[in-house]
Amino acid sequence: MVKQPSIVPFGYEPDKERQGPRGTMWVYDSFADCGAQQLVRIVSLASRKEMRKLVFYPLHEETLRRMGEPGAAPFYRRADELEESLENMELPVDTAIDRWEGRRKKYTPMDTAFRFLEEKYAGPYFVYMTVDTANTAASFDSFEFWIKKLRLCIDFKLASSESLHPKLQAFAHRWEAVD
């Protein structure tokens, strides 16, 4: 089908495409040591980026064990503590706690979790991770596929190490540090 040329008056400027909040920020973390300060940083980041939805995605203890974090508290306990903390906060962004991994009750690869979240929520996608989680995620084979589809927000505040995975260094233009 051939495009028909359109005529617009001189000085015409199209309306801004972006009006209001859009996109989804996923918080992919264990929430084992998540305090009020970290939650405030996450919510303020989502508010600054004008996100339509902020989705907290707690990881199952089996997933954490495979990612190298042994001895995590049970999923339901971490998710309930997170929910209680969020109830006590003033939230300028629409938030949700996705308990899908808790219903699965087993190891869920990052790729499977991201596909599930991608189908459920509207884009563009931002993912908040701590440095340790981001380094672990960068070691997976599917990381290069996902880093091209979403934008990482990496929190260096509670890092056990300042070193970054080589894939994170290679894709430095696709992530930003959370202040």
Protein backbone atom coordinates (compact mmCIF):
# COMPACT_ATOMS: atom_id res chain seq x y z
CA MET A 1 0.00 0.00 0.00
CA VAL A 2 1.41 3.37 -1.04
CA LYS A 3 1.55 6.16 1.53
CA GLN A 4 -0.36 9.27 0.58
CA PRO A 5 1.41 12.56 1.27
CA SER A 6 -0.33 14.73 3.83
CA ILE A 7 -0.41 18.51 3.91
CA VAL A 8 -0.03 20.40 7.16
CA PRO A 9 -0.16 24.15 7.77
CA PHE A 10 3.06 26.13 8.12
CA GLY A 11 4.41 26.04 11.69
CA TYR A 12 2.48 22.92 12.66
CA GLU A 13 3.95 21.05 15.60
CA PRO A 14 2.56 17.64 16.52
CA ASP A 15 1.23 17.13 20.03
CA LYS A 16 3.61 15.66 22.55
CA GLU A 17 3.43 11.90 22.30
CA ARG A 18 4.14 11.35 25.96
CA GLN A 19 1.41 12.70 28.19
CA GLY A 20 1.32 11.50 31.76
CA PRO A 21 2.88 8.44 33.34
CA ARG A 22 3.72 5.39 31.27
CA GLY A 23 5.67 2.19 31.60
CA THR A 24 6.34 -0.30 34.35
CA MET A 25 9.20 -0.68 36.78
CA TRP A 26 9.84 -4.20 38.07
CA VAL A 27 11.71 -4.58 41.35
CA TYR A 28 13.45 -7.94 40.99
CA ASP A 29 14.90 -8.73 44.41
CA SER A 30 14.79 -11.06 47.40
CA PHE A 31 13.61 -8.31 49.80
CA ALA A 32 15.43 -10.14 52.58
CA ASP A 33 17.26 -7.05 53.87
CA CYS A 34 14.94 -4.45 52.36
CA GLY A 35 14.49 -1.57 54.76
CA ALA A 36 12.34 1.54 54.69
CA GLN A 37 15.16 3.62 53.18
CA GLN A 38 15.53 1.29 50.21
CA LEU A 39 11.76 1.25 49.64
CA VAL A 40 11.69 5.06 49.73
CA ARG A 41 14.51 5.14 47.13
CA ILE A 42 12.64 2.70 44.89
CA VAL A 43 9.34 4.58 45.12
CA SER A 44 11.00 7.96 44.56
CA LEU A 45 12.85 6.58 41.51
CA ALA A 46 9.58 5.31 40.03
CA SER A 47 7.96 8.66 40.77
CA ARG A 48 10.83 10.62 39.14
CA LYS A 49 10.63 8.43 36.03
CA GLU A 50 6.84 8.89 35.95
CA MET A 51 6.06 5.18 35.95
CA ARG A 52 2.46 4.09 35.60
CA LYS A 53 3.02 0.93 37.65
CA LEU A 54 5.62 -0.22 40.19
CA VAL A 55 5.72 -4.01 40.53
CA PHE A 56 7.56 -5.68 43.39
CA TYR A 57 8.61 -9.21 42.42
CA PRO A 58 9.96 -11.16 45.42
CA LEU A 59 12.03 -14.19 44.50
CA HIS A 60 11.29 -17.66 45.83
CA GLU A 61 13.88 -19.13 48.21
CA GLU A 62 14.68 -21.89 45.70
CA THR A 63 15.45 -19.26 43.05
CA LEU A 64 17.64 -17.41 45.56
CA ARG A 65 19.48 -20.61 46.45
CA ARG A 66 20.30 -21.22 42.77
CA MET A 67 21.41 -17.60 42.41
CA GLY A 68 23.89 -18.08 45.25
CA GLU A 69 21.98 -16.69 48.26
CA PRO A 70 21.53 -19.64 50.63
CA GLY A 71 19.47 -19.41 53.80
CA ALA A 72 16.78 -16.95 52.68
CA ALA A 73 13.62 -16.59 54.74
CA PRO A 74 10.48 -18.25 53.34
CA PHE A 75 8.81 -16.49 50.44
CA TYR A 76 5.51 -15.79 52.19
CA ARG A 77 7.27 -14.16 55.16
CA ARG A 78 9.34 -11.81 52.97
CA ALA A 79 6.30 -10.95 50.81
CA ASP A 80 4.12 -10.25 53.87
CA GLU A 81 6.80 -8.01 55.42
CA LEU A 82 7.10 -6.13 52.13
CA GLU A 83 3.33 -5.68 51.93
CA GLU A 84 3.22 -4.42 55.52
CA SER A 85 6.03 -1.93 54.84
CA LEU A 86 4.29 -0.63 51.72
CA GLU A 87 1.01 -0.16 53.60
CA ASN A 88 2.79 2.17 56.03
CA MET A 89 4.17 4.36 53.23
CA GLU A 90 2.65 7.09 51.13
CA LEU A 91 2.83 5.82 47.56
CA PRO A 92 2.61 8.36 44.69
CA VAL A 93 2.85 5.50 42.16
CA ASP A 94 0.40 2.63 41.65
CA THR A 95 2.13 -0.40 43.18
CA ALA A 96 1.59 -4.13 43.17
CA ILE A 97 3.30 -7.14 44.68
CA ASP A 98 3.40 -9.97 42.19
CA ARG A 99 3.32 -13.29 44.06
CA TRP A 100 3.47 -15.52 40.98
CA GLU A 101 6.78 -17.06 41.99
CA GLY A 102 5.32 -17.95 45.38
CA ARG A 103 2.48 -19.82 43.69
CA ARG A 104 4.96 -21.73 41.52
CA LYS A 105 6.84 -22.86 44.65
CA LYS A 106 10.00 -23.66 42.76
CA TYR A 107 12.98 -22.20 40.93
CA THR A 108 11.96 -19.68 38.29
CA PRO A 109 14.65 -18.56 35.82
CA MET A 110 15.01 -14.83 35.24
CA ASP A 111 13.99 -15.31 31.61
CA THR A 112 10.70 -16.98 32.57
CA ALA A 113 9.93 -14.33 35.20
CA PHE A 114 10.61 -11.47 32.77
CA ARG A 115 8.45 -13.07 30.06
CA PHE A 116 5.61 -13.41 32.56
CA LEU A 117 5.93 -9.77 33.66
CA GLU A 118 6.21 -8.59 30.06
CA GLU A 119 2.91 -10.30 29.17
CA LYS A 120 1.14 -8.96 32.24
CA TYR A 121 2.24 -5.29 32.36
CA ALA A 122 2.57 -2.50 29.80
CA GLY A 123 5.95 -1.24 28.57
CA PRO A 124 8.42 0.38 28.39
CA TYR A 125 10.13 -1.68 31.06
CA PHE A 126 12.59 -0.65 33.75
CA VAL A 127 14.07 -3.14 36.21
CA TYR A 128 15.41 -2.13 39.62
CA MET A 129 18.12 -4.46 40.97
CA THR A 130 20.85 -4.36 43.56
CA VAL A 131 24.43 -4.71 42.31
CA ASP A 132 24.67 -8.29 43.52
CA THR A 133 21.44 -9.32 41.75
CA ALA A 134 22.51 -7.45 38.59
CA ASN A 135 25.88 -9.24 38.55
CA THR A 136 24.14 -12.59 38.93
CA ALA A 137 21.61 -11.72 36.20
CA ALA A 138 24.43 -10.65 33.86
CA SER A 139 25.96 -14.11 34.16
CA PHE A 140 22.87 -15.75 32.61
CA ASP A 141 22.78 -16.56 28.88
CA SER A 142 19.51 -14.65 28.33
CA PHE A 143 20.93 -11.40 29.74
CA GLU A 144 21.96 -10.00 26.35
CA PHE A 145 18.47 -10.60 24.98
CA TRP A 146 16.78 -8.84 27.92
CA ILE A 147 19.17 -5.92 28.28
CA LYS A 148 18.14 -4.84 24.77
CA LYS A 149 14.43 -4.92 25.70
CA LEU A 150 14.53 -3.15 29.04
CA ARG A 151 16.54 -0.64 31.06
CA LEU A 152 18.26 -1.53 34.32
CA CYS A 153 18.37 0.70 37.39
CA ILE A 154 21.17 -0.61 39.59
CA ASP A 155 21.39 0.30 43.28
CA PHE A 156 24.97 0.47 44.54
CA LYS A 157 23.98 1.46 48.11
CA LEU A 158 23.87 -2.03 49.70
CA ALA A 159 26.55 -3.64 47.53
CA SER A 160 28.81 -6.32 48.94
CA SER A 161 31.26 -5.56 46.12
CA GLU A 162 31.75 -2.63 43.76
CA SER A 163 32.97 -4.80 40.86
CA LEU A 164 30.68 -5.23 37.87
CA HIS A 165 30.21 -8.25 35.63
CA PRO A 166 31.90 -7.82 32.20
CA LYS A 167 28.52 -7.96 30.43
CA LEU A 168 27.25 -5.10 32.60
CA GLN A 169 30.33 -3.10 31.66
CA ALA A 170 29.79 -3.89 27.98
CA PHE A 171 26.16 -2.70 28.15
CA ALA A 172 26.83 0.35 30.36
CA HIS A 173 24.65 2.49 28.11
CA ARG A 174 21.59 0.33 28.97
CA TRP A 175 21.66 0.82 32.75
CA GLU A 176 21.88 3.67 35.19
CA ALA A 177 22.96 3.96 38.81
CA VAL A 178 20.31 4.75 41.40
CA ASP A 179 21.24 7.63 43.67
